[in-house]
Amino acid sequence: MYDFNHHRPASVDDAVSALGAASDGKIMAGGQTLIPTMKQRLASPSDIVDLGAIAGLKGIKEEGGNIVIGAMTTHAAVAGNATVKAKIPALAALADGIGDPQVRNRGTIGGSIANNDPAADYPAGLVGLGATVHTTKRQIPADEFFTGLFETALAEDEIITAVAFPVPEKAAYAKFANPASRYAIVGVMVSSGPAGLRVAVTGAGPCVFRLSDAEAALGGGFSPDAVANVSVSSEGLNSDLHASAEYRANLVGVMLKRAVAAAG
């Protein structure tokens, strides 16, 4: 690990100032990706702006028909929150299936979506539920937030402050997990509610994507039978030592039917 300056601001404004003053500053939330990357000397930021001391970025509340989750709220806190479990149980289940207890108690929702790992669970949760990402500059619909492999719509000096999830009428998340890491080889979130019929897929491609054919099929009836004939092309999907593109394409259909059955 190379030398760096460490900042631990007490407010969002101070965090923005510290980030702006750094020559090559990086935000640290839970540190689940950044710290290992720095240890391997694959990243060498001049400054780390640690958000861990900003109390206003933590917590969960119900507001205006949405469940609003602070960016520094851990996966374990989302999974165990009574409001989330009552209003959006699919989101609580998604959070409870991330990694292991150590990861869930350190990793945060803001850090996860800012990193946008192609196998992460939260991108499917945000897109599949029609969430909105709140930052220090604006509000970004989830459909516009995730832009590519490890890429998002965030500007260099922009910090995520919260994520707002509309409460669906029904929703479920089904994941085929890597047995070691618990990352999604394929994960599918389905929902029906204020944001319409939505199906989002993670793990299969370089970035989370919506499955429009499945959404159209569910419009004729929300049941596993409605999506039985939905097929996914393997073209452009991820292929690695864990699963081929063809295997992932098949898994999308399997996870889709499981998610629809669980939601219905």
Protein backbone atom coordinates (compact mmCIF):
# COMPACT_ATOMS: atom_id res chain seq x y z
CA MET A 1 0.00 0.00 0.00
CA TYR A 2 1.33 3.43 -0.94
CA ASP A 3 1.26 6.48 1.36
CA PHE A 4 -1.89 8.59 1.38
CA ASN A 5 -3.55 11.34 3.41
CA HIS A 6 -6.52 10.20 5.49
CA HIS A 7 -9.49 12.52 6.13
CA ARG A 8 -12.42 11.69 8.39
CA PRO A 9 -14.88 14.59 7.99
CA ALA A 10 -17.82 15.07 10.34
CA SER A 11 -20.19 16.48 7.69
CA VAL A 12 -21.03 16.03 4.03
CA ASP A 13 -19.88 19.59 3.30
CA ASP A 14 -16.49 18.87 4.85
CA ALA A 15 -16.25 15.66 2.81
CA VAL A 16 -16.95 17.55 -0.42
CA SER A 17 -14.30 20.14 0.52
CA ALA A 18 -11.69 17.50 1.30
CA LEU A 19 -12.40 15.67 -1.93
CA GLY A 20 -12.17 18.88 -3.95
CA ALA A 21 -8.84 19.83 -2.39
CA ALA A 22 -7.18 16.49 -3.10
CA SER A 23 -5.08 15.94 -6.21
CA ASP A 24 -6.39 12.37 -6.57
CA GLY A 25 -8.89 11.80 -3.80
CA LYS A 26 -11.10 8.76 -3.30
CA ILE A 27 -14.21 8.35 -1.18
CA MET A 28 -14.22 5.44 1.27
CA ALA A 29 -17.50 4.02 2.53
CA GLY A 30 -17.18 0.47 3.89
CA GLY A 31 -13.82 -0.03 2.19
CA GLN A 32 -14.66 -3.55 1.05
CA THR A 33 -13.21 -2.99 -2.43
CA LEU A 34 -10.99 0.06 -2.03
CA ILE A 35 -8.79 -1.26 0.78
CA PRO A 36 -7.93 -4.61 -0.89
CA THR A 37 -7.24 -2.76 -4.14
CA MET A 38 -4.87 -0.38 -2.35
CA LYS A 39 -3.19 -3.25 -0.51
CA GLN A 40 -2.40 -4.87 -3.85
CA ARG A 41 -1.07 -1.49 -5.08
CA LEU A 42 -3.60 -1.45 -7.88
CA ALA A 43 -4.76 1.97 -6.68
CA SER A 44 -2.72 4.79 -5.18
CA PRO A 45 -4.98 7.74 -4.29
CA SER A 46 -3.33 10.81 -2.81
CA ASP A 47 -6.15 11.19 -0.27
CA ILE A 48 -8.84 9.00 1.27
CA VAL A 49 -12.00 10.77 2.41
CA ASP A 50 -13.56 8.40 4.95
CA LEU A 51 -17.33 8.92 5.37
CA GLY A 52 -17.59 6.73 8.46
CA ALA A 53 -17.99 9.61 10.95
CA ILE A 54 -20.89 11.33 9.15
CA ALA A 55 -23.95 10.30 11.16
CA GLY A 56 -26.35 11.97 8.72
CA LEU A 57 -25.45 9.44 6.02
CA LYS A 58 -26.66 6.50 8.12
CA GLY A 59 -30.18 5.33 8.84
CA ILE A 60 -33.47 4.31 7.28
CA LYS A 61 -36.74 6.22 7.19
CA GLU A 62 -40.11 6.16 5.49
CA GLU A 63 -40.79 9.39 3.63
CA GLY A 64 -43.29 10.35 0.94
CA GLY A 65 -44.18 6.77 0.06
CA ASN A 66 -40.52 5.80 -0.22
CA ILE A 67 -38.09 3.94 1.97
CA VAL A 68 -35.04 6.21 2.13
CA ILE A 69 -31.75 4.57 3.08
CA GLY A 70 -28.68 6.61 3.95
CA ALA A 71 -25.62 5.91 1.82
CA MET A 72 -23.52 4.74 4.79
CA THR A 73 -26.13 2.28 6.03
CA THR A 74 -24.66 -1.23 6.15
CA HIS A 75 -26.09 -4.25 4.42
CA ALA A 76 -26.77 -5.82 7.83
CA ALA A 77 -28.76 -2.76 8.92
CA VAL A 78 -30.90 -2.94 5.77
CA ALA A 79 -31.44 -6.67 6.19
CA GLY A 80 -32.50 -6.33 9.83
CA ASN A 81 -34.56 -3.14 9.65
CA ALA A 82 -38.21 -3.67 10.63
CA THR A 83 -39.52 -1.05 8.18
CA VAL A 84 -37.64 -2.53 5.22
CA LYS A 85 -38.75 -6.05 6.14
CA ALA A 86 -42.37 -4.92 6.39
CA LYS A 87 -42.51 -2.64 3.33
CA ILE A 88 -39.96 -4.15 0.91
CA PRO A 89 -39.08 -7.65 2.15
CA ALA A 90 -37.38 -8.40 -1.17
CA LEU A 91 -34.83 -5.67 -0.45
CA ALA A 92 -34.19 -6.98 3.07
CA ALA A 93 -33.67 -10.47 1.65
CA LEU A 94 -31.30 -9.12 -1.02
CA ALA A 95 -29.18 -7.37 1.62
CA ASP A 96 -29.17 -10.46 3.83
CA GLY A 97 -27.70 -12.52 0.99
CA ILE A 98 -24.68 -10.28 0.38
CA GLY A 99 -21.32 -11.84 1.24
CA ASP A 100 -20.88 -13.05 4.81
CA PRO A 101 -21.58 -11.44 8.22
CA GLN A 102 -18.28 -9.57 8.16
CA VAL A 103 -19.02 -8.05 4.75
CA ARG A 104 -22.62 -7.24 5.69
CA ASN A 105 -21.53 -5.40 8.82
CA ARG A 106 -18.89 -3.29 7.02
CA GLY A 107 -20.17 -2.86 3.47
CA THR A 108 -22.63 -0.06 2.72
CA ILE A 109 -25.33 0.50 0.13
CA GLY A 110 -23.68 3.71 -1.10
CA GLY A 111 -20.28 2.10 -1.48
CA SER A 112 -21.74 -0.88 -3.32
CA ILE A 113 -23.62 1.10 -5.93
CA ALA A 114 -20.79 3.62 -6.42
CA ASN A 115 -18.42 0.73 -7.14
CA ASN A 116 -20.97 -0.95 -9.46
CA ASP A 117 -19.38 -4.38 -9.52
CA PRO A 118 -21.07 -6.37 -12.31
CA ALA A 119 -21.86 -9.18 -9.86
CA ALA A 120 -23.15 -6.99 -7.02
CA ASP A 121 -26.73 -7.41 -5.76
CA TYR A 122 -27.78 -3.81 -5.09
CA PRO A 123 -27.75 -2.64 -8.73
CA ALA A 124 -30.52 -5.16 -9.47
CA GLY A 125 -32.34 -3.98 -6.36
CA LEU A 126 -32.22 -0.34 -7.40
CA VAL A 127 -33.14 -0.85 -11.05
CA GLY A 128 -35.65 -3.58 -10.31
CA LEU A 129 -37.49 -1.43 -7.78
CA GLY A 130 -37.20 1.87 -9.67
CA ALA A 131 -35.12 3.59 -6.98
CA THR A 132 -33.61 7.08 -7.08
CA VAL A 133 -30.04 7.87 -6.04
CA HIS A 134 -29.64 11.12 -4.06
CA THR A 135 -26.25 12.84 -4.25
CA THR A 136 -24.68 16.09 -3.14
CA LYS A 137 -25.61 17.56 -6.53
CA ARG A 138 -28.85 15.96 -7.78
CA GLN A 139 -31.23 13.02 -7.86
CA ILE A 140 -30.50 10.26 -10.41
CA PRO A 141 -33.00 7.57 -11.45
CA ALA A 142 -31.47 4.11 -11.10
CA ASP A 143 -32.06 3.47 -14.81
CA GLU A 144 -29.60 6.29 -15.55
CA PHE A 145 -27.17 5.73 -12.69
CA PHE A 146 -25.42 2.50 -13.74
CA THR A 147 -23.65 3.17 -17.02
CA GLY A 148 -21.15 0.33 -17.58
CA LEU A 149 -18.59 -2.02 -16.08
CA PHE A 150 -17.60 -0.41 -12.75
CA GLU A 151 -18.96 2.88 -14.13
CA THR A 152 -21.75 5.15 -12.91
CA ALA A 153 -23.17 8.58 -13.70
CA LEU A 154 -21.40 10.09 -10.67
CA ALA A 155 -19.15 13.08 -11.28
CA GLU A 156 -15.64 13.15 -9.78
CA ASP A 157 -16.70 15.44 -6.92
CA GLU A 158 -20.17 13.95 -6.36
CA ILE A 159 -21.05 11.94 -3.24
CA ILE A 160 -24.04 9.64 -2.77
CA THR A 161 -26.10 10.65 0.25
CA ALA A 162 -29.11 8.30 0.12
CA VAL A 163 -31.21 5.94 -2.00
CA ALA A 164 -35.02 6.24 -2.14
CA PHE A 165 -37.03 3.12 -2.95
CA PRO A 166 -40.74 3.38 -3.87
CA VAL A 167 -42.74 0.73 -2.00
CA PRO A 168 -43.84 -1.95 -4.51
CA GLU A 169 -47.07 -3.93 -4.42
CA LYS A 170 -44.98 -7.09 -4.78
CA ALA A 171 -41.35 -7.87 -5.43
CA ALA A 172 -38.76 -10.63 -5.07
CA TYR A 173 -35.08 -11.24 -5.70
CA ALA A 174 -33.67 -14.59 -6.79
CA LYS A 175 -29.93 -15.19 -6.98
CA PHE A 176 -27.66 -18.02 -8.09
CA ALA A 177 -24.70 -17.21 -5.89
CA ASN A 178 -21.03 -18.04 -6.16
CA PRO A 179 -20.60 -20.48 -3.24
CA ALA A 180 -17.39 -18.81 -2.04
CA SER A 181 -17.99 -15.08 -2.43
CA ARG A 182 -21.81 -15.01 -2.52
CA TYR A 183 -21.57 -12.63 -5.47
CA ALA A 184 -24.33 -13.12 -8.02
CA ILE A 185 -23.45 -15.35 -10.94
CA VAL A 186 -26.95 -14.28 -11.94
CA GLY A 187 -29.48 -12.34 -9.85
CA VAL A 188 -32.94 -11.20 -10.91
CA MET A 189 -35.17 -8.64 -9.17
CA VAL A 190 -38.82 -8.41 -10.22
CA SER A 191 -41.40 -5.93 -8.97
CA SER A 192 -44.81 -4.48 -9.64
CA GLY A 193 -45.90 -1.18 -8.15
CA PRO A 194 -45.58 2.60 -8.51
CA ALA A 195 -42.57 2.21 -10.79
CA GLY A 196 -44.46 -0.21 -13.06
CA LEU A 197 -43.50 -3.76 -13.95
CA ARG A 198 -39.74 -4.10 -13.69
CA VAL A 199 -37.24 -6.91 -14.17
CA ALA A 200 -33.55 -6.23 -13.55
CA VAL A 201 -30.65 -8.63 -14.01
CA THR A 202 -27.23 -8.51 -12.35
CA GLY A 203 -24.21 -10.80 -12.65
CA ALA A 204 -25.02 -11.86 -16.20
CA GLY A 205 -23.57 -8.89 -18.09
CA PRO A 206 -20.96 -6.15 -17.65
CA CYS A 207 -23.62 -3.99 -15.99
CA VAL A 208 -27.12 -4.42 -14.57
CA PHE A 209 -29.82 -4.37 -17.23
CA ARG A 210 -33.58 -4.52 -17.56
CA LEU A 211 -35.25 -7.45 -19.28
CA SER A 212 -37.92 -5.77 -21.39
CA ASP A 213 -39.30 -9.01 -22.88
CA ALA A 214 -40.00 -10.32 -19.38
CA GLU A 215 -41.62 -7.04 -18.35
CA ALA A 216 -43.91 -7.19 -21.39
CA ALA A 217 -44.78 -10.83 -20.66
CA LEU A 218 -45.65 -10.05 -17.05
CA GLY A 219 -48.03 -7.38 -18.29
CA GLY A 220 -50.31 -10.20 -19.43
CA GLY A 221 -50.30 -11.86 -16.02
CA PHE A 222 -47.87 -11.93 -13.13
CA SER A 223 -46.99 -15.62 -12.95
CA PRO A 224 -44.07 -17.96 -13.73
CA ASP A 225 -46.03 -19.31 -16.70
CA ALA A 226 -46.13 -15.81 -18.21
CA VAL A 227 -42.33 -15.73 -18.49
CA ALA A 228 -41.81 -19.42 -19.31
CA ASN A 229 -40.97 -18.63 -22.93
CA VAL A 230 -38.78 -15.59 -22.29
CA SER A 231 -35.30 -16.32 -23.64
CA VAL A 232 -32.08 -14.39 -23.22
CA SER A 233 -29.30 -14.24 -25.80
CA SER A 234 -25.82 -15.12 -24.57
CA GLU A 235 -24.30 -12.46 -26.80
CA GLY A 236 -22.43 -9.88 -24.72
CA LEU A 237 -22.90 -11.72 -21.44
CA ASN A 238 -20.05 -12.45 -19.03
CA SER A 239 -18.04 -15.63 -19.50
CA ASP A 240 -15.43 -16.63 -16.92
CA LEU A 241 -14.18 -19.54 -14.82
CA HIS A 242 -17.44 -19.52 -12.83
CA ALA A 243 -19.91 -19.72 -15.73
CA SER A 244 -20.02 -19.37 -19.48
CA ALA A 245 -22.17 -16.78 -21.23
CA GLU A 246 -24.51 -19.56 -22.39
CA TYR A 247 -24.87 -20.89 -18.84
CA ARG A 248 -25.64 -17.40 -17.55
CA ALA A 249 -28.23 -16.85 -20.28
CA ASN A 250 -30.03 -20.01 -19.18
CA LEU A 251 -29.73 -19.01 -15.51
CA VAL A 252 -31.47 -15.70 -16.18
CA GLY A 253 -34.59 -17.58 -17.23
CA VAL A 254 -34.41 -19.89 -14.23
CA MET A 255 -33.91 -17.07 -11.72
CA LEU A 256 -36.61 -15.02 -13.44
CA LYS A 257 -39.22 -17.73 -12.91
CA ARG A 258 -38.13 -18.22 -9.29
CA ALA A 259 -38.36 -14.51 -8.57
CA VAL A 260 -41.79 -14.19 -10.15
CA ALA A 261 -43.04 -17.20 -8.18
CA ALA A 262 -41.68 -15.76 -4.94
CA ALA A 263 -43.19 -12.33 -5.61
CA GLY A 264 -46.57 -13.71 -6.65
